[in-house]
Amino acid sequence: MKTKEENLIVAKSYSFAVRCVKLYKYLCEEKHDYVIGKQLLRSGTSIGANVKEAIRGVSKADFKAKMSIALKESSESEFWIEILRDTDYITTQQANSLLTDCVELLRLLMTIVKSSNC
């Protein structure tokens, strides 16, 4: 049975991935950026993929390892959002909205990783 945190992290990481895909489409179509946006696309969608893998992992160690990767990808995503903001590819308002979601993911994942007993 999944814990409340696991259900929440699945939903939030999926929602964040969708936002990253939509942002990537916008960056390609409107800003003609294919490099930085793709970095965010990769890290932002990897969070949810690793969360799903963790939940279906074969052991507690596998769970913790995949959640740790998701945590690292969240941190990388935060970096790319800040770069996009500071280079004026996205507005501060757009960045802040994404950063709010990203930091929430970071906090949830830190809690999950720290509390994983392995």
PDB file of N, CA and C in Angstrom:
ATOM      1  N   MET A   1       0.842  -1.188   0.000  1.00  0.00           N
ATOM      2  CA  MET A   1       0.000   0.000   0.000  1.00  0.00           C
ATOM      3  C   MET A   1       0.887   1.251   0.000  1.00  0.00           C
ATOM      4  N   LYS A   2       0.541   2.204  -0.800  1.00  0.00           N
ATOM      5  CA  LYS A   2       1.314   3.437  -0.902  1.00  0.00           C
ATOM      6  C   LYS A   2       0.996   4.366   0.264  1.00  0.00           C
ATOM      7  N   THR A   3       2.031   5.067   0.718  1.00  0.00           N
ATOM      8  CA  THR A   3       1.807   6.053   1.761  1.00  0.00           C
ATOM      9  C   THR A   3       1.228   7.318   1.127  1.00  0.00           C
ATOM     10  N   LYS A   4       0.740   8.184   1.958  1.00  0.00           N
ATOM     11  CA  LYS A   4       0.195   9.455   1.491  1.00  0.00           C
ATOM     12  C   LYS A   4       1.263  10.257   0.740  1.00  0.00           C
ATOM     13  N   GLU A   5       2.501  10.250   1.260  1.00  0.00           N
ATOM     14  CA  GLU A   5       3.597  10.977   0.595  1.00  0.00           C
ATOM     15  C   GLU A   5       3.891  10.412  -0.784  1.00  0.00           C
ATOM     16  N   GLU A   6       3.854   9.075  -0.928  1.00  0.00           N
ATOM     17  CA  GLU A   6       4.126   8.460  -2.219  1.00  0.00           C
ATOM     18  C   GLU A   6       3.062   8.843  -3.238  1.00  0.00           C
ATOM     19  N   ASN A   7       1.782   8.837  -2.833  1.00  0.00           N
ATOM     20  CA  ASN A   7       0.715   9.247  -3.734  1.00  0.00           C
ATOM     21  C   ASN A   7       0.881  10.709  -4.142  1.00  0.00           C
ATOM     22  N   LEU A   8       1.232  11.527  -3.188  1.00  0.00           N
ATOM     23  CA  LEU A   8       1.421  12.953  -3.434  1.00  0.00           C
ATOM     24  C   LEU A   8       2.602  13.185  -4.366  1.00  0.00           C
ATOM     25  N   ILE A   9       3.696  12.486  -4.154  1.00  0.00           N
ATOM     26  CA  ILE A   9       4.882  12.685  -4.988  1.00  0.00           C
ATOM     27  C   ILE A   9       4.628  12.204  -6.412  1.00  0.00           C
ATOM     28  N   VAL A  10       3.853  11.159  -6.579  1.00  0.00           N
ATOM     29  CA  VAL A  10       3.507  10.683  -7.927  1.00  0.00           C
ATOM     30  C   VAL A  10       2.716  11.767  -8.652  1.00  0.00           C
ATOM     31  N   ALA A  11       1.702  12.292  -8.016  1.00  0.00           N
ATOM     32  CA  ALA A  11       0.856  13.310  -8.641  1.00  0.00           C
ATOM     33  C   ALA A  11       1.625  14.591  -8.939  1.00  0.00           C
ATOM     34  N   LYS A  12       2.402  15.042  -7.978  1.00  0.00           N
ATOM     35  CA  LYS A  12       3.122  16.302  -8.160  1.00  0.00           C
ATOM     36  C   LYS A  12       4.259  16.175  -9.176  1.00  0.00           C
ATOM     37  N   SER A  13       4.933  15.041  -9.189  1.00  0.00           N
ATOM     38  CA  SER A  13       6.021  14.876 -10.160  1.00  0.00           C
ATOM     39  C   SER A  13       5.461  14.742 -11.574  1.00  0.00           C
ATOM     40  N   TYR A  14       4.306  14.119 -11.717  1.00  0.00           N
ATOM     41  CA  TYR A  14       3.669  14.011 -13.029  1.00  0.00           C
ATOM     42  C   TYR A  14       3.233  15.391 -13.526  1.00  0.00           C
ATOM     43  N   SER A  15       2.590  16.146 -12.649  1.00  0.00           N
ATOM     44  CA  SER A  15       2.136  17.491 -13.003  1.00  0.00           C
ATOM     45  C   SER A  15       3.313  18.380 -13.401  1.00  0.00           C
ATOM     46  N   PHE A  16       4.419  18.274 -12.673  1.00  0.00           N
ATOM     47  CA  PHE A  16       5.606  19.060 -12.986  1.00  0.00           C
ATOM     48  C   PHE A  16       6.171  18.653 -14.348  1.00  0.00           C
ATOM     49  N   ALA A  17       6.174  17.363 -14.633  1.00  0.00           N
ATOM     50  CA  ALA A  17       6.657  16.879 -15.931  1.00  0.00           C
ATOM     51  C   ALA A  17       5.824  17.453 -17.069  1.00  0.00           C
ATOM     52  N   VAL A  18       4.530  17.479 -16.889  1.00  0.00           N
ATOM     53  CA  VAL A  18       3.634  18.046 -17.917  1.00  0.00           C
ATOM     54  C   VAL A  18       3.955  19.518 -18.131  1.00  0.00           C
ATOM     55  N   ARG A  19       4.168  20.247 -17.061  1.00  0.00           N
ATOM     56  CA  ARG A  19       4.517  21.664 -17.175  1.00  0.00           C
ATOM     57  C   ARG A  19       5.841  21.848 -17.917  1.00  0.00           C
ATOM     58  N   CYS A  20       6.802  20.971 -17.654  1.00  0.00           N
ATOM     59  CA  CYS A  20       8.100  21.057 -18.330  1.00  0.00           C
ATOM     60  C   CYS A  20       7.959  20.778 -19.830  1.00  0.00           C
ATOM     61  N   VAL A  21       7.127  19.818 -20.188  1.00  0.00           N
ATOM     62  CA  VAL A  21       6.891  19.521 -21.606  1.00  0.00           C
ATOM     63  C   VAL A  21       6.249  20.723 -22.293  1.00  0.00           C
ATOM     64  N   LYS A  22       5.255  21.310 -21.651  1.00  0.00           N
ATOM     65  CA  LYS A  22       4.576  22.484 -22.237  1.00  0.00           C
ATOM     66  C   LYS A  22       5.538  23.665 -22.362  1.00  0.00           C
ATOM     67  N   LEU A  23       6.387  23.864 -21.355  1.00  0.00           N
ATOM     68  CA  LEU A  23       7.363  24.941 -21.422  1.00  0.00           C
ATOM     69  C   LEU A  23       8.349  24.693 -22.554  1.00  0.00           C
ATOM     70  N   TYR A  24       8.784  23.458 -22.720  1.00  0.00           N
ATOM     71  CA  TYR A  24       9.706  23.135 -23.804  1.00  0.00           C
ATOM     72  C   TYR A  24       9.073  23.445 -25.162  1.00  0.00           C
ATOM     73  N   LYS A  25       7.818  23.082 -25.335  1.00  0.00           N
ATOM     74  CA  LYS A  25       7.122  23.392 -26.594  1.00  0.00           C
ATOM     75  C   LYS A  25       7.088  24.899 -26.823  1.00  0.00           C
ATOM     76  N   TYR A  26       6.777  25.661 -25.781  1.00  0.00           N
ATOM     77  CA  TYR A  26       6.745  27.119 -25.869  1.00  0.00           C
ATOM     78  C   TYR A  26       8.127  27.667 -26.235  1.00  0.00           C
ATOM     79  N   LEU A  27       9.151  27.175 -25.563  1.00  0.00           N
ATOM     80  CA  LEU A  27      10.509  27.670 -25.830  1.00  0.00           C
ATOM     81  C   LEU A  27      10.942  27.382 -27.265  1.00  0.00           C
ATOM     82  N   CYS A  28      10.585  26.239 -27.772  1.00  0.00           N
ATOM     83  CA  CYS A  28      10.929  25.897 -29.163  1.00  0.00           C
ATOM     84  C   CYS A  28      10.166  26.767 -30.145  1.00  0.00           C
ATOM     85  N   GLU A  29       8.874  26.919 -29.917  1.00  0.00           N
ATOM     86  CA  GLU A  29       8.024  27.644 -30.856  1.00  0.00           C
ATOM     87  C   GLU A  29       8.213  29.162 -30.782  1.00  0.00           C
ATOM     88  N   GLU A  30       8.303  29.701 -29.586  1.00  0.00           N
ATOM     89  CA  GLU A  30       8.326  31.150 -29.413  1.00  0.00           C
ATOM     90  C   GLU A  30       9.731  31.746 -29.273  1.00  0.00           C
ATOM     91  N   LYS A  31      10.611  31.030 -28.637  1.00  0.00           N
ATOM     92  CA  LYS A  31      11.943  31.576 -28.343  1.00  0.00           C
ATOM     93  C   LYS A  31      13.039  30.927 -29.189  1.00  0.00           C
ATOM     94  N   HIS A  32      12.670  29.892 -29.918  1.00  0.00           N
ATOM     95  CA  HIS A  32      13.615  29.144 -30.755  1.00  0.00           C
ATOM     96  C   HIS A  32      14.806  28.636 -29.951  1.00  0.00           C
ATOM     97  N   ASP A  33      14.520  28.231 -28.721  1.00  0.00           N
ATOM     98  CA  ASP A  33      15.541  27.635 -27.864  1.00  0.00           C
ATOM     99  C   ASP A  33      15.346  26.125 -27.888  1.00  0.00           C
ATOM    100  N   TYR A  34      16.409  25.413 -28.192  1.00  0.00           N
ATOM    101  CA  TYR A  34      16.341  23.964 -28.249  1.00  0.00           C
ATOM    102  C   TYR A  34      17.350  23.309 -27.309  1.00  0.00           C
ATOM    103  N   VAL A  35      18.178  24.097 -26.650  1.00  0.00           N
ATOM    104  CA  VAL A  35      19.242  23.538 -25.825  1.00  0.00           C
ATOM    105  C   VAL A  35      18.883  23.600 -24.343  1.00  0.00           C
ATOM    106  N   ILE A  36      18.733  24.797 -23.802  1.00  0.00           N
ATOM    107  CA  ILE A  36      18.450  24.933 -22.374  1.00  0.00           C
ATOM    108  C   ILE A  36      17.089  24.324 -22.041  1.00  0.00           C
ATOM    109  N   GLY A  37      16.129  24.587 -22.899  1.00  0.00           N
ATOM    110  CA  GLY A  37      14.801  24.014 -22.690  1.00  0.00           C
ATOM    111  C   GLY A  37      14.829  22.498 -22.656  1.00  0.00           C
ATOM    112  N   LYS A  38      15.656  21.910 -23.495  1.00  0.00           N
ATOM    113  CA  LYS A  38      15.752  20.452 -23.532  1.00  0.00           C
ATOM    114  C   LYS A  38      16.385  19.908 -22.256  1.00  0.00           C
ATOM    115  N   GLN A  39      17.309  20.669 -21.692  1.00  0.00           N
ATOM    116  CA  GLN A  39      17.912  20.257 -20.416  1.00  0.00           C
ATOM    117  C   GLN A  39      16.835  20.177 -19.327  1.00  0.00           C
ATOM    118  N   LEU A  40      15.970  21.192 -19.275  1.00  0.00           N
ATOM    119  CA  LEU A  40      14.879  21.182 -18.303  1.00  0.00           C
ATOM    120  C   LEU A  40      13.892  20.065 -18.623  1.00  0.00           C
ATOM    121  N   LEU A  41      13.612  19.878 -19.898  1.00  0.00           N
ATOM    122  CA  LEU A  41      12.700  18.802 -20.305  1.00  0.00           C
ATOM    123  C   LEU A  41      13.201  17.459 -19.786  1.00  0.00           C
ATOM    124  N   ARG A  42      14.475  17.203 -19.952  1.00  0.00           N
ATOM    125  CA  ARG A  42      15.046  15.926 -19.522  1.00  0.00           C
ATOM    126  C   ARG A  42      15.007  15.765 -18.003  1.00  0.00           C
ATOM    127  N   SER A  43      15.480  16.775 -17.290  1.00  0.00           N
ATOM    128  CA  SER A  43      15.523  16.635 -15.830  1.00  0.00           C
ATOM    129  C   SER A  43      14.116  16.684 -15.226  1.00  0.00           C
ATOM    130  N   GLY A  44      13.268  17.553 -15.760  1.00  0.00           N
ATOM    131  CA  GLY A  44      11.920  17.708 -15.210  1.00  0.00           C
ATOM    132  C   GLY A  44      11.030  16.498 -15.404  1.00  0.00           C
ATOM    133  N   THR A  45      11.191  15.797 -16.523  1.00  0.00           N
ATOM    134  CA  THR A  45      10.392  14.590 -16.743  1.00  0.00           C
ATOM    135  C   THR A  45      11.021  13.373 -16.067  1.00  0.00           C
ATOM    136  N   SER A  46      12.319  13.431 -15.842  1.00  0.00           N
ATOM    137  CA  SER A  46      13.016  12.326 -15.190  1.00  0.00           C
ATOM    138  C   SER A  46      12.582  12.159 -13.732  1.00  0.00           C
ATOM    139  N   ILE A  47      12.158  13.229 -13.114  1.00  0.00           N
ATOM    140  CA  ILE A  47      11.724  13.162 -11.713  1.00  0.00           C
ATOM    141  C   ILE A  47      10.588  12.148 -11.579  1.00  0.00           C
ATOM    142  N   GLY A  48       9.545  12.357 -12.353  1.00  0.00           N
ATOM    143  CA  GLY A  48       8.380  11.473 -12.286  1.00  0.00           C
ATOM    144  C   GLY A  48       8.691  10.050 -12.712  1.00  0.00           C
ATOM    145  N   ALA A  49       9.537   9.903 -13.719  1.00  0.00           N
ATOM    146  CA  ALA A  49       9.906   8.562 -14.178  1.00  0.00           C
ATOM    147  C   ALA A  49      10.618   7.797 -13.074  1.00  0.00           C
ATOM    148  N   ASN A  50      11.515   8.468 -12.366  1.00  0.00           N
ATOM    149  CA  ASN A  50      12.235   7.806 -11.275  1.00  0.00           C
ATOM    150  C   ASN A  50      11.333   7.532 -10.081  1.00  0.00           C
ATOM    151  N   VAL A  51      10.400   8.417  -9.827  1.00  0.00           N
ATOM    152  CA  VAL A  51       9.435   8.183  -8.746  1.00  0.00           C
ATOM    153  C   VAL A  51       8.618   6.927  -9.051  1.00  0.00           C
ATOM    154  N   LYS A  52       8.132   6.805 -10.278  1.00  0.00           N
ATOM    155  CA  LYS A  52       7.356   5.626 -10.666  1.00  0.00           C
ATOM    156  C   LYS A  52       8.190   4.357 -10.538  1.00  0.00           C
ATOM    157  N   GLU A  53       9.429   4.425 -10.987  1.00  0.00           N
ATOM    158  CA  GLU A  53      10.324   3.270 -10.867  1.00  0.00           C
ATOM    159  C   GLU A  53      10.545   2.917  -9.404  1.00  0.00           C
ATOM    160  N   ALA A  54      10.703   3.919  -8.572  1.00  0.00           N
ATOM    161  CA  ALA A  54      10.946   3.679  -7.146  1.00  0.00           C
ATOM    162  C   ALA A  54       9.777   2.947  -6.517  1.00  0.00           C
ATOM    163  N   ILE A  55       8.592   3.385  -6.816  1.00  0.00           N
ATOM    164  CA  ILE A  55       7.403   2.799  -6.208  1.00  0.00           C
ATOM    165  C   ILE A  55       7.228   1.352  -6.646  1.00  0.00           C
ATOM    166  N   ARG A  56       7.680   1.053  -7.825  1.00  0.00           N
ATOM    167  CA  ARG A  56       7.592  -0.325  -8.317  1.00  0.00           C
ATOM    168  C   ARG A  56       8.916  -1.069  -8.166  1.00  0.00           C
ATOM    169  N   GLY A  57       9.786  -0.538  -7.333  1.00  0.00           N
ATOM    170  CA  GLY A  57      11.108  -1.128  -7.115  1.00  0.00           C
ATOM    171  C   GLY A  57      11.031  -2.504  -6.478  1.00  0.00           C
ATOM    172  N   VAL A  58      12.122  -3.232  -6.577  1.00  0.00           N
ATOM    173  CA  VAL A  58      12.153  -4.607  -6.080  1.00  0.00           C
ATOM    174  C   VAL A  58      12.632  -4.706  -4.635  1.00  0.00           C
ATOM    175  N   SER A  59      13.143  -3.621  -4.106  1.00  0.00           N
ATOM    176  CA  SER A  59      13.637  -3.650  -2.727  1.00  0.00           C
ATOM    177  C   SER A  59      13.588  -2.245  -2.137  1.00  0.00           C
ATOM    178  N   LYS A  60      13.775  -2.167  -0.830  1.00  0.00           N
ATOM    179  CA  LYS A  60      13.826  -0.858  -0.183  1.00  0.00           C
ATOM    180  C   LYS A  60      15.041  -0.062  -0.662  1.00  0.00           C
ATOM    181  N   ALA A  61      16.135  -0.751  -0.898  1.00  0.00           N
ATOM    182  CA  ALA A  61      17.351  -0.079  -1.396  1.00  0.00           C
ATOM    183  C   ALA A  61      17.108   0.480  -2.790  1.00  0.00           C
ATOM    184  N   ASP A  62      16.404  -0.278  -3.617  1.00  0.00           N
ATOM    185  CA  ASP A  62      16.069   0.185  -4.972  1.00  0.00           C
ATOM    186  C   ASP A  62      15.157   1.410  -4.885  1.00  0.00           C
ATOM    187  N   PHE A  63      14.183   1.365  -3.993  1.00  0.00           N
ATOM    188  CA  PHE A  63      13.278   2.493  -3.773  1.00  0.00           C
ATOM    189  C   PHE A  63      14.062   3.750  -3.424  1.00  0.00           C
ATOM    190  N   LYS A  64      14.946   3.619  -2.438  1.00  0.00           N
ATOM    191  CA  LYS A  64      15.719   4.782  -1.978  1.00  0.00           C
ATOM    192  C   LYS A  64      16.638   5.298  -3.079  1.00  0.00           C
ATOM    193  N   ALA A  65      17.248   4.409  -3.837  1.00  0.00           N
ATOM    194  CA  ALA A  65      18.153   4.821  -4.914  1.00  0.00           C
ATOM    195  C   ALA A  65      17.405   5.619  -5.980  1.00  0.00           C
ATOM    196  N   LYS A  66      16.231   5.153  -6.377  1.00  0.00           N
ATOM    197  CA  LYS A  66      15.458   5.855  -7.409  1.00  0.00           C
ATOM    198  C   LYS A  66      14.915   7.194  -6.895  1.00  0.00           C
ATOM    199  N   MET A  67      14.503   7.215  -5.646  1.00  0.00           N
ATOM    200  CA  MET A  67      14.026   8.475  -5.065  1.00  0.00           C
ATOM    201  C   MET A  67      15.184   9.466  -4.939  1.00  0.00           C
ATOM    202  N   SER A  68      16.368   8.966  -4.672  1.00  0.00           N
ATOM    203  CA  SER A  68      17.550   9.837  -4.607  1.00  0.00           C
ATOM    204  C   SER A  68      17.872  10.428  -5.971  1.00  0.00           C
ATOM    205  N   ILE A  69      17.710   9.637  -7.011  1.00  0.00           N
ATOM    206  CA  ILE A  69      17.910  10.151  -8.371  1.00  0.00           C
ATOM    207  C   ILE A  69      16.865  11.215  -8.677  1.00  0.00           C
ATOM    208  N   ALA A  70      15.619  10.959  -8.302  1.00  0.00           N
ATOM    209  CA  ALA A  70      14.554  11.946  -8.508  1.00  0.00           C
ATOM    210  C   ALA A  70      14.884  13.252  -7.783  1.00  0.00           C
ATOM    211  N   LEU A  71      15.444  13.143  -6.590  1.00  0.00           N
ATOM    212  CA  LEU A  71      15.852  14.326  -5.828  1.00  0.00           C
ATOM    213  C   LEU A  71      16.932  15.100  -6.579  1.00  0.00           C
ATOM    214  N   LYS A  72      17.914  14.413  -7.109  1.00  0.00           N
ATOM    215  CA  LYS A  72      18.979  15.069  -7.881  1.00  0.00           C
ATOM    216  C   LYS A  72      18.423  15.739  -9.133  1.00  0.00           C
ATOM    217  N   GLU A  73      17.493  15.075  -9.799  1.00  0.00           N
ATOM    218  CA  GLU A  73      16.884  15.652 -11.004  1.00  0.00           C
ATOM    219  C   GLU A  73      16.067  16.898 -10.657  1.00  0.00           C
ATOM    220  N   SER A  74      15.446  16.902  -9.489  1.00  0.00           N
ATOM    221  CA  SER A  74      14.701  18.084  -9.036  1.00  0.00           C
ATOM    222  C   SER A  74      15.638  19.259  -8.834  1.00  0.00           C
ATOM    223  N   SER A  75      16.772  18.988  -8.242  1.00  0.00           N
ATOM    224  CA  SER A  75      17.770  20.028  -8.021  1.00  0.00           C
ATOM    225  C   SER A  75      18.286  20.568  -9.356  1.00  0.00           C
ATOM    226  N   GLU A  76      18.525  19.677 -10.298  1.00  0.00           N
ATOM    227  CA  GLU A  76      18.966  20.115 -11.630  1.00  0.00           C
ATOM    228  C   GLU A  76      17.886  20.948 -12.318  1.00  0.00           C
ATOM    229  N   SER A  77      16.645  20.539 -12.185  1.00  0.00           N
ATOM    230  CA  SER A  77      15.539  21.288 -12.783  1.00  0.00           C
ATOM    231  C   SER A  77      15.468  22.704 -12.226  1.00  0.00           C
ATOM    232  N   GLU A  78      15.662  22.818 -10.919  1.00  0.00           N
ATOM    233  CA  GLU A  78      15.673  24.137 -10.283  1.00  0.00           C
ATOM    234  C   GLU A  78      16.741  25.013 -10.932  1.00  0.00           C
ATOM    235  N   PHE A  79      17.919  24.452 -11.171  1.00  0.00           N
ATOM    236  CA  PHE A  79      19.012  25.182 -11.807  1.00  0.00           C
ATOM    237  C   PHE A  79      18.606  25.667 -13.200  1.00  0.00           C
ATOM    238  N   TRP A  80      18.024  24.798 -14.031  1.00  0.00           N
ATOM    239  CA  TRP A  80      17.669  25.185 -15.399  1.00  0.00           C
ATOM    240  C   TRP A  80      16.561  26.243 -15.415  1.00  0.00           C
ATOM    241  N   ILE A  81      15.630  26.154 -14.491  1.00  0.00           N
ATOM    242  CA  ILE A  81      14.578  27.183 -14.420  1.00  0.00           C
ATOM    243  C   ILE A  81      15.202  28.538 -14.089  1.00  0.00           C
ATOM    244  N   GLU A  82      16.132  28.545 -13.150  1.00  0.00           N
ATOM    245  CA  GLU A  82      16.812  29.797 -12.792  1.00  0.00           C
ATOM    246  C   GLU A  82      17.603  30.352 -13.978  1.00  0.00           C
ATOM    247  N   ILE A  83      18.255  29.497 -14.728  1.00  0.00           N
ATOM    248  CA  ILE A  83      18.988  29.933 -15.925  1.00  0.00           C
ATOM    249  C   ILE A  83      18.030  30.533 -16.950  1.00  0.00           C
ATOM    250  N   LEU A  84      16.913  29.853 -17.184  1.00  0.00           N
ATOM    251  CA  LEU A  84      15.924  30.365 -18.144  1.00  0.00           C
ATOM    252  C   LEU A  84      15.390  31.732 -17.715  1.00  0.00           C
ATOM    253  N   ARG A  85      15.182  31.886 -16.412  1.00  0.00           N
ATOM    254  CA  ARG A  85      14.716  33.175 -15.875  1.00  0.00           C
ATOM    255  C   ARG A  85      15.786  34.251 -16.033  1.00  0.00           C
ATOM    256  N   ASP A  86      16.992  33.939 -15.653  1.00  0.00           N
ATOM    257  CA  ASP A  86      18.057  34.940 -15.618  1.00  0.00           C
ATOM    258  C   ASP A  86      18.599  35.299 -16.997  1.00  0.00           C
ATOM    259  N   THR A  87      18.231  34.525 -18.005  1.00  0.00           N
ATOM    260  CA  THR A  87      18.613  34.843 -19.385  1.00  0.00           C
ATOM    261  C   THR A  87      17.416  35.349 -20.189  1.00  0.00           C
ATOM    262  N   ASP A  88      16.327  35.625 -19.479  1.00  0.00           N
ATOM    263  CA  ASP A  88      15.117  36.215 -20.060  1.00  0.00           C
ATOM    264  C   ASP A  88      14.409  35.343 -21.097  1.00  0.00           C
ATOM    265  N   TYR A  89      14.585  34.031 -20.993  1.00  0.00           N
ATOM    266  CA  TYR A  89      13.792  33.139 -21.844  1.00  0.00           C
ATOM    267  C   TYR A  89      12.379  32.994 -21.302  1.00  0.00           C
ATOM    268  N   ILE A  90      12.255  33.085 -19.970  1.00  0.00           N
ATOM    269  CA  ILE A  90      10.939  33.093 -19.342  1.00  0.00           C
ATOM    270  C   ILE A  90      10.902  34.251 -18.348  1.00  0.00           C
ATOM    271  N   THR A  91       9.702  34.688 -18.044  1.00  0.00           N
ATOM    272  CA  THR A  91       9.541  35.808 -17.127  1.00  0.00           C
ATOM    273  C   THR A  91       9.783  35.344 -15.682  1.00  0.00           C
ATOM    274  N   THR A  92      10.004  36.305 -14.826  1.00  0.00           N
ATOM    275  CA  THR A  92      10.170  36.005 -13.404  1.00  0.00           C
ATOM    276  C   THR A  92       8.918  35.339 -12.866  1.00  0.00           C
ATOM    277  N   GLN A  93       7.771  35.801 -13.310  1.00  0.00           N
ATOM    278  CA  GLN A  93       6.496  35.212 -12.865  1.00  0.00           C
ATOM    279  C   GLN A  93       6.402  33.745 -13.291  1.00  0.00           C
ATOM    280  N   GLN A  94       6.754  33.445 -14.546  1.00  0.00           N
ATOM    281  CA  GLN A  94       6.732  32.058 -15.015  1.00  0.00           C
ATOM    282  C   GLN A  94       7.717  31.213 -14.210  1.00  0.00           C
ATOM    283  N   ALA A  95       8.901  31.749 -14.005  1.00  0.00           N
ATOM    284  CA  ALA A  95       9.928  31.020 -13.265  1.00  0.00           C
ATOM    285  C   ALA A  95       9.487  30.760 -11.834  1.00  0.00           C
ATOM    286  N   ASN A  96       8.925  31.764 -11.183  1.00  0.00           N
ATOM    287  CA  ASN A  96       8.512  31.609  -9.794  1.00  0.00           C
ATOM    288  C   ASN A  96       7.445  30.532  -9.639  1.00  0.00           C
ATOM    289  N   SER A  97       6.533  30.473 -10.592  1.00  0.00           N
ATOM    290  CA  SER A  97       5.496  29.449 -10.564  1.00  0.00           C
ATOM    291  C   SER A  97       6.115  28.050 -10.667  1.00  0.00           C
ATOM    292  N   LEU A  98       7.039  27.887 -11.599  1.00  0.00           N
ATOM    293  CA  LEU A  98       7.726  26.603 -11.761  1.00  0.00           C
ATOM    294  C   LEU A  98       8.617  26.292 -10.556  1.00  0.00           C
ATOM    295  N   LEU A  99       9.310  27.308 -10.064  1.00  0.00           N
ATOM    296  CA  LEU A  99      10.198  27.103  -8.921  1.00  0.00           C
ATOM    297  C   LEU A  99       9.422  26.696  -7.672  1.00  0.00           C
ATOM    298  N   THR A 100       8.233  27.238  -7.499  1.00  0.00           N
ATOM    299  CA  THR A 100       7.397  26.850  -6.363  1.00  0.00           C
ATOM    300  C   THR A 100       7.116  25.356  -6.405  1.00  0.00           C
ATOM    301  N   ASP A 101       6.723  24.867  -7.578  1.00  0.00           N
ATOM    302  CA  ASP A 101       6.456  23.435  -7.737  1.00  0.00           C
ATOM    303  C   ASP A 101       7.728  22.614  -7.565  1.00  0.00           C
ATOM    304  N   CYS A 102       8.809  23.096  -8.116  1.00  0.00           N
ATOM    305  CA  CYS A 102      10.078  22.382  -8.051  1.00  0.00           C
ATOM    306  C   CYS A 102      10.583  22.278  -6.612  1.00  0.00           C
ATOM    307  N   VAL A 103      10.527  23.360  -5.880  1.00  0.00           N
ATOM    308  CA  VAL A 103      10.985  23.359  -4.480  1.00  0.00           C
ATOM    309  C   VAL A 103      10.088  22.455  -3.632  1.00  0.00           C
ATOM    310  N   GLU A 104       8.819  22.428  -3.939  1.00  0.00           N
ATOM    311  CA  GLU A 104       7.915  21.524  -3.218  1.00  0.00           C
ATOM    312  C   GLU A 104       8.314  20.066  -3.474  1.00  0.00           C
ATOM    313  N   LEU A 105       8.646  19.756  -4.724  1.00  0.00           N
ATOM    314  CA  LEU A 105       9.133  18.415  -5.044  1.00  0.00           C
ATOM    315  C   LEU A 105      10.426  18.111  -4.294  1.00  0.00           C
ATOM    316  N   LEU A 106      11.330  19.069  -4.287  1.00  0.00           N
ATOM    317  CA  LEU A 106      12.594  18.892  -3.566  1.00  0.00           C
ATOM    318  C   LEU A 106      12.348  18.558  -2.101  1.00  0.00           C
ATOM    319  N   ARG A 107      11.475  19.290  -1.470  1.00  0.00           N
ATOM    320  CA  ARG A 107      11.192  19.074  -0.050  1.00  0.00           C
ATOM    321  C   ARG A 107      10.568  17.702   0.200  1.00  0.00           C
ATOM    322  N   LEU A 108       9.598  17.347  -0.644  1.00  0.00           N
ATOM    323  CA  LEU A 108       8.965  16.035  -0.498  1.00  0.00           C
ATOM    324  C   LEU A 108       9.980  14.909  -0.685  1.00  0.00           C
ATOM    325  N   LEU A 109      10.784  15.033  -1.730  1.00  0.00           N
ATOM    326  CA  LEU A 109      11.773  13.992  -2.009  1.00  0.00           C
ATOM    327  C   LEU A 109      12.831  13.903  -0.910  1.00  0.00           C
ATOM    328  N   MET A 110      13.252  15.045  -0.371  1.00  0.00           N
ATOM    329  CA  MET A 110      14.212  15.019   0.736  1.00  0.00           C
ATOM    330  C   MET A 110      13.618  14.269   1.932  1.00  0.00           C
ATOM    331  N   THR A 111      12.370  14.533   2.217  1.00  0.00           N
ATOM    332  CA  THR A 111      11.693  13.848   3.335  1.00  0.00           C
ATOM    333  C   THR A 111      11.621  12.355   3.081  1.00  0.00           C
ATOM    334  N   ILE A 112      11.233  11.975   1.863  1.00  0.00           N
ATOM    335  CA  ILE A 112      11.119  10.557   1.527  1.00  0.00           C
ATOM    336  C   ILE A 112      12.470   9.865   1.608  1.00  0.00           C
ATOM    337  N   VAL A 113      13.491  10.490   1.031  1.00  0.00           N
ATOM    338  CA  VAL A 113      14.828   9.871   1.033  1.00  0.00           C
ATOM    339  C   VAL A 113      15.367   9.743   2.463  1.00  0.00           C
ATOM    340  N   LYS A 114      15.210  10.793   3.248  1.00  0.00           N
ATOM    341  CA  LYS A 114      15.707  10.764   4.632  1.00  0.00           C
ATOM    342  C   LYS A 114      14.982   9.735   5.490  1.00  0.00           C
ATOM    343  N   SER A 115      13.704   9.542   5.214  1.00  0.00           N
ATOM    344  CA  SER A 115      12.923   8.623   6.040  1.00  0.00           C
ATOM    345  C   SER A 115      12.923   7.192   5.510  1.00  0.00           C
ATOM    346  N   SER A 116      13.549   6.967   4.365  1.00  0.00           N
ATOM    347  CA  SER A 116      13.621   5.598   3.819  1.00  0.00           C
ATOM    348  C   SER A 116      14.589   4.776   4.649  1.00  0.00           C
ATOM    349  N   ASN A 117      14.106   3.697   5.175  1.00  0.00           N
ATOM    350  CA  ASN A 117      14.925   2.824   6.009  1.00  0.00           C
ATOM    351  C   ASN A 117      15.579   1.770   5.133  1.00  0.00           C
ATOM    352  N   CYS A 118      16.882   1.876   4.954  1.00  0.00           N
ATOM    353  CA  CYS A 118      17.638   0.889   4.177  1.00  0.00           C
ATOM    354  C   CYS A 118      18.907   0.523   4.907  1.00  0.00           C
TER     355      CYS A 118
END
